[in-house]
Every structure is written in C-alpha cells, then in structure tokens.
Protein backbone atom coordinates (compact mmCIF):
# COMPACT_ATOMS: atom_id res chain seq x y z
CA VAL A 1 -0.15 0.10 -0.13
CA THR A 2 1.00 3.30 -1.02
CA VAL A 3 0.14 6.58 1.03
CA ASP A 4 1.46 9.96 -0.74
CA THR A 5 -0.76 12.06 2.10
CA LEU A 6 -1.84 11.61 5.17
CA ILE A 7 -4.37 14.16 6.68
CA VAL A 8 -5.50 13.49 10.22
CA ASP A 9 -8.15 15.73 11.13
CA THR A 10 -8.44 17.60 14.47
CA VAL A 11 -8.76 14.56 17.16
CA LEU A 12 -8.60 14.98 21.02
CA SER A 13 -8.05 11.87 23.32
CA ASN A 14 -8.75 12.78 27.39
CA THR A 15 -9.97 11.66 30.21
CA SER A 16 -12.14 12.66 33.45
CA THR A 17 -12.74 11.71 36.68
CA ALA A 18 -15.47 12.14 39.77
CA THR A 19 -16.62 10.42 42.93
CA THR A 20 -20.14 10.82 44.03
CA THR A 21 -22.23 9.73 47.19
CA SER A 22 -25.44 10.76 45.56
CA THR A 23 -27.90 9.96 43.12
CA ALA A 24 -27.96 13.27 41.82
CA GLN A 25 -26.98 13.65 38.08
CA ILE A 26 -23.45 15.22 37.39
CA ALA A 27 -21.48 16.30 34.24
CA LEU A 28 -18.47 14.07 34.04
CA ALA A 29 -17.04 15.26 30.88
CA SER A 30 -17.95 18.40 28.44
CA PHE A 31 -16.28 19.72 24.81
CA PRO A 32 -17.11 22.58 23.05
CA ALA A 33 -19.46 21.73 20.24
CA SER A 34 -17.52 24.49 18.05
CA SER A 35 -14.43 22.38 18.22
CA TYR A 36 -15.50 18.83 18.15
CA ALA A 37 -18.43 17.33 16.03
CA SER A 38 -18.85 13.54 17.36
CA GLY A 39 -16.77 11.21 19.46
CA GLU A 40 -16.87 7.90 21.16
CA ILE A 41 -16.89 7.76 25.13
CA MET A 42 -16.02 4.77 27.55
CA VAL A 43 -17.41 5.27 31.30
CA GLN A 44 -16.13 2.96 34.09
CA ALA A 45 -17.80 3.01 37.45
CA THR A 46 -16.62 1.34 40.48
CA GLN A 47 -18.39 1.17 43.72
CA GLY A 48 -16.69 -1.25 46.09
CA SER A 49 -15.90 -4.44 44.43
CA LEU A 50 -18.74 -3.49 41.60
CA ARG A 51 -17.97 -2.25 38.48
CA GLN A 52 -19.66 -1.23 35.08
CA ILE A 53 -18.33 -0.36 31.98
CA THR A 54 -20.34 1.54 29.15
CA LYS A 55 -19.60 2.77 25.68
CA LEU A 56 -21.58 5.51 23.94
CA LEU A 57 -21.26 7.13 20.45
CA VAL A 58 -22.10 10.81 20.69
CA ILE A 59 -22.79 13.69 17.82
CA HIS A 60 -24.18 16.89 17.76
CA ASP A 61 -25.97 19.21 15.31
CA GLY A 62 -24.71 22.58 16.66
CA THR A 63 -28.13 22.84 18.70
CA MET A 64 -28.69 19.37 20.07
CA ALA A 65 -26.79 16.28 21.16
CA TYR A 66 -27.50 12.54 20.71
CA ALA A 67 -26.06 9.37 21.75
CA THR A 68 -26.71 5.69 21.32
CA GLU A 69 -25.29 3.65 23.95
CA LEU A 70 -23.14 0.38 22.29
CA GLY A 71 -23.02 -1.63 25.20
CA THR A 72 -22.63 -1.91 28.98
CA VAL A 73 -20.95 -4.90 31.07
CA THR A 74 -21.29 -4.83 34.80
CA THR A 75 -20.18 -7.27 37.60
CA GLY A 76 -23.34 -7.45 39.23
CA ALA A 77 -26.23 -4.76 39.56
CA SER A 78 -26.15 -1.77 37.19
CA LEU A 79 -24.33 1.37 38.66
CA PHE A 80 -25.53 4.37 36.64
CA THR A 81 -27.19 5.35 33.21
CA ALA A 82 -25.55 7.78 30.81
CA ASP A 83 -27.17 10.42 28.78
CA VAL A 84 -25.90 13.83 26.91
CA ASP A 85 -27.01 17.34 26.47
CA PHE A 86 -26.14 20.72 25.08
CA ASN A 87 -25.84 23.61 27.30
CA ALA A 88 -24.07 26.87 26.40
CA GLY A 89 -22.33 25.53 23.24
CA ASN A 90 -21.22 22.45 25.09
CA VAL A 91 -21.76 18.73 24.70
CA ARG A 92 -21.72 17.41 28.13
CA LEU A 93 -21.83 13.60 29.52
CA LEU A 94 -24.08 13.34 32.13
CA ILE A 95 -24.09 10.30 34.48
CA THR A 96 -26.99 9.42 36.73
CA PRO A 97 -25.60 7.23 39.58
CA LYS A 98 -28.20 4.47 40.81
CA SER A 99 -26.81 4.74 44.64
CA ALA A 100 -25.84 7.22 47.26
CA THR A 101 -22.92 4.71 48.01
CA SER A 102 -19.56 6.21 47.28
CA THR A 103 -18.92 5.75 43.53
CA SER A 104 -16.04 6.50 41.19
CA PHE A 105 -16.33 7.42 37.55
CA LYS A 106 -13.53 7.38 35.07
CA ALA A 107 -14.38 8.72 31.42
CA PHE A 108 -11.91 8.02 27.86
CA TYR A 109 -13.27 9.95 25.01
CA THR A 110 -11.77 10.25 21.88
CA LEU A 111 -13.02 13.21 19.55
CA ILE A 112 -13.31 14.18 16.06
CA GLY A 113 -13.25 18.04 15.27
CA VAL A 114 -15.63 19.97 12.93
C-alpha cells in the first residue's frame, strides 16, 4: 500500500474523573461543540467490588446532542445511566448514579473535530 498524503483531522483524546455519594446527575465530561462534532466515550464506574463499563457514540448538530449506547458490562447491579445534552455551546456527558454509595467514575473519550 502506498500513501502519498495522510491527513488527520483534529482529534482529541482525554480523560475525566469524579467520585460521588449521591444519586444526583453529574456532568462527567464536556467538550466545545464549535471544535468537535462527534466522538466515542467509555465510562467506567467502581463501587466497592462492583464495576460497570458503558460505551457511547456521541454527535451533535449545533443545537442538540445525541448518543447511542453501544454496550454495557457489569459485575453485578447496574451502577449508573448515561446521557448527553447541549448546554451553553458544549456537549456534556451526564451520569446519573443509581446509588448514594460512594462511586468513582472515569471517562475516556476520543473526539473528532468539526
């Protein structure tokens, strides 16, 4: 295979973390809609010996954000639900814990530029 030119658009890989002891929704990650159009997000939650990982595809149209869940694996009960929204020009990853027991969240995401 011969490649004369390889062009890589703006791509960002990043992580974010949070720990909560509430069932209140949190914004675990966000990105500027003017810079990034879509991406892939993996969220891991740990609560004692319980774990959950969820993978999402996310995209926006400049006014609304959309996501589809590609899959979830748990070692027991589900620990959270995930959603996205469009807020003040940013796309946010929203996490709603299912328990007030201390739960740690880690997100790894790769975003593709507009």
